[in-house]
C-alpha atoms as a PDB file:
ATOM      1  CA  MET A   1      -8.262   4.628 -14.681  1.00  0.00           C
ATOM      2  CA  LEU A   2     -10.453   4.074 -11.617  1.00  0.00           C
ATOM      3  CA  ALA A   3     -11.908   7.598 -11.957  1.00  0.00           C
ATOM      4  CA  GLU A   4     -12.999   6.747 -15.512  1.00  0.00           C
ATOM      5  CA  HIS A   5     -15.125   3.966 -14.001  1.00  0.00           C
ATOM      6  CA  GLY A   6     -16.880   6.067 -11.376  1.00  0.00           C
ATOM      7  CA  TYR A   7     -14.503   5.828  -8.432  1.00  0.00           C
ATOM      8  CA  THR A   8     -13.614   9.045  -6.640  1.00  0.00           C
ATOM      9  CA  GLY A   9      -9.960   9.338  -5.842  1.00  0.00           C
ATOM     10  CA  VAL A  10      -6.921  11.480  -5.451  1.00  0.00           C
ATOM     11  CA  GLU A  11      -3.631  10.629  -7.094  1.00  0.00           C
ATOM     12  CA  VAL A  12      -0.678  11.629  -4.972  1.00  0.00           C
ATOM     13  CA  ASP A  13       2.919  11.998  -6.122  1.00  0.00           C
ATOM     14  CA  LEU A  14       5.280  12.166  -3.173  1.00  0.00           C
ATOM     15  CA  GLU A  15       8.580  14.015  -3.454  1.00  0.00           C
ATOM     16  CA  VAL A  16      11.725  12.717  -1.768  1.00  0.00           C
ATOM     17  CA  PRO A  17      12.271  14.991   1.241  1.00  0.00           C
ATOM     18  CA  SER A  18      15.296  17.267   1.161  1.00  0.00           C
ATOM     19  CA  PRO A  19      17.524  16.792   2.947  1.00  0.00           C
ATOM     20  CA  ARG A  20      16.890  13.056   2.801  1.00  0.00           C
ATOM     21  CA  PRO A  21      16.419  11.626   6.318  1.00  0.00           C
ATOM     22  CA  ALA A  22      19.282   9.415   7.528  1.00  0.00           C
ATOM     23  CA  THR A  23      17.113   6.592   8.911  1.00  0.00           C
ATOM     24  CA  SER A  24      14.416   4.512   7.284  1.00  0.00           C
ATOM     25  CA  ASP A  25      11.908   5.311  10.042  1.00  0.00           C
ATOM     26  CA  ARG A  26      12.302   9.025   9.401  1.00  0.00           C
ATOM     27  CA  LEU A  27      12.271   8.619   5.616  1.00  0.00           C
ATOM     28  CA  VAL A  28       9.030   6.610   5.395  1.00  0.00           C
ATOM     29  CA  GLY A  29       7.619   8.760   8.208  1.00  0.00           C
ATOM     30  CA  ALA A  30       8.230  11.901   6.124  1.00  0.00           C
ATOM     31  CA  PHE A  31       6.508  10.294   3.132  1.00  0.00           C
ATOM     32  CA  SER A  32       3.605   9.196   5.351  1.00  0.00           C
ATOM     33  CA  LYS A  33       3.161  12.717   6.748  1.00  0.00           C
ATOM     34  CA  GLU A  34       3.152  14.129   3.226  1.00  0.00           C
ATOM     35  CA  LEU A  35       0.558  11.541   2.176  1.00  0.00           C
ATOM     36  CA  ALA A  36      -1.632  12.470   5.162  1.00  0.00           C
ATOM     37  CA  SER A  37      -1.310  16.151   4.257  1.00  0.00           C
ATOM     38  CA  GLN A  38      -2.238  15.515   0.617  1.00  0.00           C
ATOM     39  CA  ILE A  39      -5.286  13.496   1.672  1.00  0.00           C
ATOM     40  CA  ARG A  40      -6.422  16.255   4.069  1.00  0.00           C
ATOM     41  CA  LEU A  41      -5.930  18.935   1.386  1.00  0.00           C
ATOM     42  CA  SER A  42      -7.954  16.925  -1.137  1.00  0.00           C
ATOM     43  CA  GLY A  43     -11.152  17.689   0.778  1.00  0.00           C
ATOM     44  CA  GLN A  44     -12.315  14.068   0.723  1.00  0.00           C
ATOM     45  CA  MET A  45     -15.168  13.626   3.180  1.00  0.00           C
ATOM     46  CA  PHE A  46     -14.716   9.884   3.701  1.00  0.00           C
ATOM     47  CA  LYS A  47     -11.896   7.726   4.985  1.00  0.00           C
ATOM     48  CA  PRO A  48      -9.727   6.892   1.981  1.00  0.00           C
ATOM     49  CA  CYS A  49      -8.984   3.521   0.502  1.00  0.00           C
ATOM     50  CA  ILE A  50      -5.225   3.710   0.040  1.00  0.00           C
ATOM     51  CA  ILE A  51      -3.897   2.087  -3.145  1.00  0.00           C
ATOM     52  CA  SER A  52      -0.144   1.686  -3.417  1.00  0.00           C
ATOM     53  CA  HIS A  53       2.137   0.127  -5.979  1.00  0.00           C
ATOM     54  CA  GLY A  54       5.548  -1.419  -5.524  1.00  0.00           C
ATOM     55  CA  VAL A  55       7.939  -1.945  -2.676  1.00  0.00           C
ATOM     56  CA  GLY A  56       8.402   1.720  -1.742  1.00  0.00           C
ATOM     57  CA  GLY A  57       4.742   2.593  -2.117  1.00  0.00           C
ATOM     58  CA  SER A  58       3.722  -0.281   0.139  1.00  0.00           C
ATOM     59  CA  LEU A  59       6.061   0.920   2.888  1.00  0.00           C
ATOM     60  CA  VAL A  60       4.620   4.442   2.760  1.00  0.00           C
ATOM     61  CA  ALA A  61       1.016   3.189   2.668  1.00  0.00           C
ATOM     62  CA  GLN A  62       1.526   0.876   5.639  1.00  0.00           C
ATOM     63  CA  THR A  63       3.336   3.577   7.599  1.00  0.00           C
ATOM     64  CA  TYR A  64       0.368   5.869   6.925  1.00  0.00           C
ATOM     65  CA  ILE A  65      -2.055   3.139   8.040  1.00  0.00           C
ATOM     66  CA  GLU A  66      -0.258   2.717  11.375  1.00  0.00           C
ATOM     67  CA  SER A  67      -1.500   6.113  12.560  1.00  0.00           C
ATOM     68  CA  ASN A  68      -4.352   7.137  10.235  1.00  0.00           C
ATOM     69  CA  ASN A  69      -7.810   5.826   9.426  1.00  0.00           C
ATOM     70  CA  ALA A  70      -8.662   4.206   6.116  1.00  0.00           C
ATOM     71  CA  SER A  71     -11.617   2.388   4.621  1.00  0.00           C
ATOM     72  CA  GLY A  72      -9.331  -0.086   2.874  1.00  0.00           C
ATOM     73  CA  LEU A  73      -5.812  -0.779   1.678  1.00  0.00           C
ATOM     74  CA  VAL A  74      -4.733  -2.151  -1.700  1.00  0.00           C
ATOM     75  CA  LEU A  75      -1.102  -3.231  -2.023  1.00  0.00           C
ATOM     76  CA  ILE A  76      -0.081  -3.897  -5.624  1.00  0.00           C
ATOM     77  CA  SER A  77       3.138  -5.933  -5.776  1.00  0.00           C
ATOM     78  CA  PRO A  78       4.214  -4.812  -2.307  1.00  0.00           C
ATOM     79  CA  ALA A  79       7.293  -5.782  -0.354  1.00  0.00           C
ATOM     80  CA  VAL A  80       6.749  -9.270   1.076  1.00  0.00           C
ATOM     81  CA  ASP A  81       8.451  -7.992   4.221  1.00  0.00           C
ATOM     82  CA  ASN A  82      10.509  -4.943   5.101  1.00  0.00           C
ATOM     83  CA  HIS A  83      13.756  -6.812   4.558  1.00  0.00           C
ATOM     84  CA  GLU A  84      12.939  -6.925   0.838  1.00  0.00           C
ATOM     85  CA  ALA A  85      13.087  -3.118   0.766  1.00  0.00           C
ATOM     86  CA  LEU A  86      16.618  -2.765   2.142  1.00  0.00           C
ATOM     87  CA  HIS A  87      17.952  -1.725  -1.270  1.00  0.00           C
ATOM     88  CA  LEU A  88      15.687   1.364  -1.145  1.00  0.00           C
ATOM     89  CA  LEU A  89      16.309   2.360   2.445  1.00  0.00           C
ATOM     90  CA  PRO A  90      19.169   3.952   4.369  1.00  0.00           C
ATOM     91  CA  SER A  91      18.780   1.500   7.271  1.00  0.00           C
ATOM     92  CA  PRO A  92      16.717  -1.562   8.290  1.00  0.00           C
ATOM     93  CA  LEU A  93      13.036  -0.894   8.960  1.00  0.00           C
ATOM     94  CA  GLU A  94      11.090  -2.727  11.649  1.00  0.00           C
ATOM     95  CA  GLU A  95       8.206  -4.875  10.436  1.00  0.00           C
ATOM     96  CA  PHE A  96       4.769  -3.282  10.695  1.00  0.00           C
ATOM     97  CA  THR A  97       2.613  -4.318  13.645  1.00  0.00           C
ATOM     98  CA  TYR A  98      -0.725  -2.643  12.890  1.00  0.00           C
ATOM     99  CA  GLU A  99      -3.871  -4.722  13.247  1.00  0.00           C
ATOM    100  CA  PRO A 100      -6.172  -3.953  10.337  1.00  0.00           C
ATOM    101  CA  ASN A 101      -9.751  -2.984  11.083  1.00  0.00           C
ATOM    102  CA  PHE A 102     -10.504  -2.526   7.393  1.00  0.00           C
ATOM    103  CA  PRO A 103     -10.260  -4.756   4.316  1.00  0.00           C
ATOM    104  CA  ILE A 104      -6.862  -5.254   2.650  1.00  0.00           C
ATOM    105  CA  LEU A 105      -6.096  -6.603  -0.807  1.00  0.00           C
ATOM    106  CA  VAL A 106      -2.698  -7.817  -2.008  1.00  0.00           C
ATOM    107  CA  VAL A 107      -2.367  -8.029  -5.798  1.00  0.00           C
ATOM    108  CA  ASP A 108       0.625  -9.881  -7.190  1.00  0.00           C
ATOM    109  CA  THR A 109       1.881 -12.558  -9.562  1.00  0.00           C
ATOM    110  CA  PRO A 110       1.747 -16.279  -8.682  1.00  0.00           C
ATOM    111  CA  GLU A 111       5.486 -16.388  -7.930  1.00  0.00           C
ATOM    112  CA  ARG A 112       5.316 -13.431  -5.570  1.00  0.00           C
ATOM    113  CA  ILE A 113       2.117 -14.661  -3.911  1.00  0.00           C
ATOM    114  CA  GLU A 114       4.097 -17.711  -2.782  1.00  0.00           C
ATOM    115  CA  LEU A 115       6.667 -15.404  -1.152  1.00  0.00           C
ATOM    116  CA  HIS A 116       3.881 -13.467   0.591  1.00  0.00           C
ATOM    117  CA  GLU A 117       2.455 -16.725   1.921  1.00  0.00           C
ATOM    118  CA  GLN A 118       5.869 -17.618   3.373  1.00  0.00           C
ATOM    119  CA  ARG A 119       7.015 -14.234   4.725  1.00  0.00           C
ATOM    120  CA  ASN A 120       4.203 -11.657   4.966  1.00  0.00           C
ATOM    121  CA  ARG A 121       2.666 -11.502   8.451  1.00  0.00           C
ATOM    122  CA  LEU A 122      -0.759 -10.294   7.290  1.00  0.00           C
ATOM    123  CA  VAL A 123      -0.982 -12.977   4.612  1.00  0.00           C
ATOM    124  CA  LYS A 124       0.185 -15.754   6.941  1.00  0.00           C
ATOM    125  CA  GLU A 125      -2.409 -14.698   9.532  1.00  0.00           C
ATOM    126  CA  GLY A 126      -5.192 -14.658   6.925  1.00  0.00           C
ATOM    127  CA  LEU A 127      -5.888 -10.941   7.407  1.00  0.00           C
ATOM    128  CA  VAL A 128      -5.882 -10.005   3.717  1.00  0.00           C
ATOM    129  CA  ASP A 129      -7.599 -10.909   0.485  1.00  0.00           C
ATOM    130  CA  MET A 130      -5.350 -12.060  -2.337  1.00  0.00           C
ATOM    131  CA  ALA A 131      -5.701 -11.386  -6.061  1.00  0.00           C
ATOM    132  CA  VAL A 132      -3.366 -13.350  -8.276  1.00  0.00           C
ATOM    133  CA  VAL A 133      -2.729 -11.810 -11.690  1.00  0.00           C
ATOM    134  CA  PRO A 134      -0.655 -13.497 -14.406  1.00  0.00           C
ATOM    135  CA  GLN A 135       1.247 -10.270 -15.088  1.00  0.00           C
ATOM    136  CA  LEU A 136       1.328  -6.871 -13.437  1.00  0.00           C
ATOM    137  CA  ILE A 137      -0.130  -5.060 -16.409  1.00  0.00           C
ATOM    138  CA  GLU A 138      -2.697  -2.291 -16.059  1.00  0.00           C
ATOM    139  CA  LYS A 139      -5.695  -4.284 -17.330  1.00  0.00           C
ATOM    140  CA  ASN A 140      -5.072  -7.252 -15.008  1.00  0.00           C
ATOM    141  CA  VAL A 141      -4.463  -5.075 -11.959  1.00  0.00           C
ATOM    142  CA  PHE A 142      -7.401  -2.763 -12.677  1.00  0.00           C
ATOM    143  CA  ASN A 143      -9.820  -5.677 -13.066  1.00  0.00           C
ATOM    144  CA  ALA A 144      -8.652  -7.273  -9.801  1.00  0.00           C
ATOM    145  CA  VAL A 145      -8.814  -4.016  -7.845  1.00  0.00           C
ATOM    146  CA  ALA A 146     -12.167  -2.896  -9.294  1.00  0.00           C
ATOM    147  CA  LYS A 147     -13.783  -6.262  -8.530  1.00  0.00           C
ATOM    148  CA  TRP A 148     -12.469  -6.189  -4.969  1.00  0.00           C
ATOM    149  CA  LEU A 149     -13.573  -2.560  -4.447  1.00  0.00           C
ATOM    150  CA  ASP A 150     -17.065  -3.406  -5.684  1.00  0.00           C
ATOM    151  CA  ASP A 151     -17.246  -6.402  -3.324  1.00  0.00           C
ATOM    152  CA  GLN A 152     -15.743  -4.694  -0.260  1.00  0.00           C
ATOM    153  CA  LEU A 153     -16.496  -1.026  -0.145  1.00  0.00           C
END
């Protein structure tokens, strides 16, 4: 949908590695390496703005960000902390410690925004922009992300 409105981008579908790594660090690390490879192969000349959706996507995006450059990061309904993702992971995952040197947007519903304000380090430290949408439907999310992209990048 963003491409239809003039944004250049690459959509990436990541496959679960086989065999599946036994630890969460290795699992999200494998996804992050695959994401980095896909971005390199896309031929993009500029640092990407990473847009992720959901608990798993947010873990991969933030793992990627820990060791790769980006022009921005959009987290749509991300995990409020890594503990929230335990049901997806083979083992606990340490919280991320990266210090952003690029703009970050968190898009979520009012109920989940409250959880982010209580438990998400980046939100508590005021290091991210917040977009509250009444529902996580495509139109609401697109409008929030497009407005933020136009203002930030």
